[in-house]
């Protein structure tokens, strides 16, 4: 099993790669950083599922992808898609607080 220390070392070495995966999906650098951090938390909880001899980067990138897709779903449920102009248009149609 991958130890937390080994995870941290491998994660640090490939963190830029994970950020690129996240930003390609969420299209926002700041949100991509949040996604990568959240994915790390998810991965730490699933360390027992990592199979030695497989690619850590591929395993972790898959978790980042799922986390980023979930972030996009959350944005869509908010109704603004992360677009401040879309939120302004929505408020102008309904009025603030409606």
C-alpha atoms as a PDB file:
ATOM      1  CA  UNK A   1       0.000   0.000   0.000  1.00  0.00           C
ATOM      2  CA  UNK A   2       1.117   3.541  -0.741  1.00  0.00           C
ATOM      3  CA  UNK A   3       2.033   5.431   2.445  1.00  0.00           C
ATOM      4  CA  UNK A   4       0.950   9.015   3.055  1.00  0.00           C
ATOM      5  CA  UNK A   5       4.583  10.096   2.757  1.00  0.00           C
ATOM      6  CA  UNK A   6       4.991   8.336  -0.597  1.00  0.00           C
ATOM      7  CA  UNK A   7       1.703   9.847  -1.735  1.00  0.00           C
ATOM      8  CA  UNK A   8       2.877  13.349  -0.769  1.00  0.00           C
ATOM      9  CA  UNK A   9       6.181  12.900  -2.612  1.00  0.00           C
ATOM     10  CA  UNK A  10       4.545  11.608  -5.796  1.00  0.00           C
ATOM     11  CA  UNK A  11       1.771  14.185  -5.603  1.00  0.00           C
ATOM     12  CA  UNK A  12       4.232  17.076  -5.327  1.00  0.00           C
ATOM     13  CA  UNK A  13       6.226  15.765  -8.281  1.00  0.00           C
ATOM     14  CA  UNK A  14       3.166  15.633 -10.547  1.00  0.00           C
ATOM     15  CA  UNK A  15       0.982  18.429  -9.137  1.00  0.00           C
ATOM     16  CA  UNK A  16       1.419  20.671 -12.191  1.00  0.00           C
ATOM     17  CA  UNK A  17       0.226  17.822 -14.405  1.00  0.00           C
ATOM     18  CA  UNK A  18      -2.865  17.422 -12.218  1.00  0.00           C
ATOM     19  CA  UNK A  19      -3.541  21.169 -12.395  1.00  0.00           C
ATOM     20  CA  UNK A  20      -3.398  21.019 -16.205  1.00  0.00           C
ATOM     21  CA  UNK A  21      -5.963  18.215 -16.194  1.00  0.00           C
ATOM     22  CA  UNK A  22      -8.236  20.201 -13.883  1.00  0.00           C
ATOM     23  CA  UNK A  23      -7.966  23.526 -15.717  1.00  0.00           C
ATOM     24  CA  UNK A  24      -8.732  21.811 -19.030  1.00  0.00           C
ATOM     25  CA  UNK A  25     -12.058  20.745 -17.556  1.00  0.00           C
ATOM     26  CA  UNK A  26     -13.095  23.669 -15.327  1.00  0.00           C
ATOM     27  CA  UNK A  27     -11.517  26.449 -17.443  1.00  0.00           C
ATOM     28  CA  UNK A  28     -10.544  28.465 -14.364  1.00  0.00           C
ATOM     29  CA  UNK A  29      -7.068  28.476 -12.836  1.00  0.00           C
ATOM     30  CA  UNK A  30      -8.197  29.239  -9.302  1.00  0.00           C
ATOM     31  CA  UNK A  31     -10.920  26.638  -9.359  1.00  0.00           C
ATOM     32  CA  UNK A  32      -8.450  24.148 -10.834  1.00  0.00           C
ATOM     33  CA  UNK A  33      -6.215  24.640  -7.785  1.00  0.00           C
ATOM     34  CA  UNK A  34      -9.201  23.922  -5.527  1.00  0.00           C
ATOM     35  CA  UNK A  35     -10.067  20.850  -7.585  1.00  0.00           C
ATOM     36  CA  UNK A  36      -6.527  19.465  -7.275  1.00  0.00           C
ATOM     37  CA  UNK A  37      -6.565  20.009  -3.511  1.00  0.00           C
ATOM     38  CA  UNK A  38      -9.964  18.344  -3.172  1.00  0.00           C
ATOM     39  CA  UNK A  39      -8.787  15.450  -5.351  1.00  0.00           C
ATOM     40  CA  UNK A  40      -5.777  14.985  -3.056  1.00  0.00           C
ATOM     41  CA  UNK A  41      -8.111  14.666  -0.078  1.00  0.00           C
ATOM     42  CA  UNK A  42     -10.232  12.122  -1.954  1.00  0.00           C
ATOM     43  CA  UNK A  43      -7.137  10.178  -2.997  1.00  0.00           C
ATOM     44  CA  UNK A  44      -5.775  10.094   0.538  1.00  0.00           C
ATOM     45  CA  UNK A  45      -9.007   8.467   1.655  1.00  0.00           C
ATOM     46  CA  UNK A  46      -8.593   5.874  -1.112  1.00  0.00           C
ATOM     47  CA  UNK A  47      -4.914   5.025  -0.695  1.00  0.00           C
ATOM     48  CA  UNK A  48      -5.827   1.403  -0.053  1.00  0.00           C
ATOM     49  CA  UNK A  49      -7.291   1.275  -3.590  1.00  0.00           C
ATOM     50  CA  UNK A  50      -4.034   2.255  -5.288  1.00  0.00           C
ATOM     51  CA  UNK A  51      -2.401  -0.793  -6.816  1.00  0.00           C
ATOM     52  CA  UNK A  52       1.401  -0.879  -6.595  1.00  0.00           C
ATOM     53  CA  UNK A  53       3.002  -1.262  -9.978  1.00  0.00           C
ATOM     54  CA  UNK A  54       0.402   0.929 -11.674  1.00  0.00           C
ATOM     55  CA  UNK A  55       0.851   4.539 -12.686  1.00  0.00           C
ATOM     56  CA  UNK A  56       0.305   6.926  -9.799  1.00  0.00           C
ATOM     57  CA  UNK A  57      -0.133   9.801 -12.249  1.00  0.00           C
ATOM     58  CA  UNK A  58      -2.858   7.981 -14.183  1.00  0.00           C
ATOM     59  CA  UNK A  59      -4.665   6.968 -10.971  1.00  0.00           C
ATOM     60  CA  UNK A  60      -4.478  10.459  -9.546  1.00  0.00           C
ATOM     61  CA  UNK A  61      -5.401  12.120 -12.870  1.00  0.00           C
ATOM     62  CA  UNK A  62      -8.581  10.046 -12.959  1.00  0.00           C
ATOM     63  CA  UNK A  63      -9.514  11.293  -9.486  1.00  0.00           C
ATOM     64  CA  UNK A  64      -8.741  14.869 -10.589  1.00  0.00           C
ATOM     65  CA  UNK A  65     -10.959  14.406 -13.666  1.00  0.00           C
ATOM     66  CA  UNK A  66     -13.897  13.161 -11.627  1.00  0.00           C
ATOM     67  CA  UNK A  67     -13.438  15.940  -9.084  1.00  0.00           C
ATOM     68  CA  UNK A  68     -13.276  18.569 -11.853  1.00  0.00           C
ATOM     69  CA  UNK A  69     -16.410  17.192 -13.532  1.00  0.00           C
ATOM     70  CA  UNK A  70     -18.194  17.359 -10.177  1.00  0.00           C
ATOM     71  CA  UNK A  71     -17.051  20.984  -9.796  1.00  0.00           C
ATOM     72  CA  UNK A  72     -18.573  21.751 -13.201  1.00  0.00           C
ATOM     73  CA  UNK A  73     -21.840  20.110 -12.141  1.00  0.00           C
ATOM     74  CA  UNK A  74     -21.886  22.255  -9.003  1.00  0.00           C
ATOM     75  CA  UNK A  75     -21.357  25.386 -11.134  1.00  0.00           C
ATOM     76  CA  UNK A  76     -24.200  24.330 -13.430  1.00  0.00           C
ATOM     77  CA  UNK A  77     -26.549  23.748 -10.484  1.00  0.00           C
ATOM     78  CA  UNK A  78     -25.781  27.257  -9.243  1.00  0.00           C
ATOM     79  CA  UNK A  79     -27.019  28.384 -12.633  1.00  0.00           C
ATOM     80  CA  UNK A  80     -24.155  30.723 -13.412  1.00  0.00           C
ATOM     81  CA  UNK A  81     -21.762  28.240 -14.941  1.00  0.00           C
ATOM     82  CA  UNK A  82     -19.025  30.198 -13.200  1.00  0.00           C
ATOM     83  CA  UNK A  83     -19.660  33.116 -15.556  1.00  0.00           C
ATOM     84  CA  UNK A  84     -20.136  36.429 -13.662  1.00  0.00           C
ATOM     85  CA  UNK A  85     -21.839  37.991 -16.688  1.00  0.00           C
ATOM     86  CA  UNK A  86     -24.343  35.128 -16.789  1.00  0.00           C
ATOM     87  CA  UNK A  87     -25.146  35.802 -13.135  1.00  0.00           C
ATOM     88  CA  UNK A  88     -25.681  39.495 -13.889  1.00  0.00           C
ATOM     89  CA  UNK A  89     -28.002  38.613 -16.792  1.00  0.00           C
ATOM     90  CA  UNK A  90     -29.949  36.229 -14.556  1.00  0.00           C
ATOM     91  CA  UNK A  91     -30.310  38.879 -11.837  1.00  0.00           C
ATOM     92  CA  UNK A  92     -31.421  41.517 -14.335  1.00  0.00           C
ATOM     93  CA  UNK A  93     -34.222  39.199 -15.504  1.00  0.00           C
ATOM     94  CA  UNK A  94     -35.362  38.223 -12.008  1.00  0.00           C
ATOM     95  CA  UNK A  95     -34.014  40.968  -9.763  1.00  0.00           C
ATOM     96  CA  UNK A  96     -31.495  40.485  -6.952  1.00  0.00           C
ATOM     97  CA  UNK A  97     -32.567  38.000  -4.298  1.00  0.00           C
ATOM     98  CA  UNK A  98     -35.433  36.500  -6.332  1.00  0.00           C
END
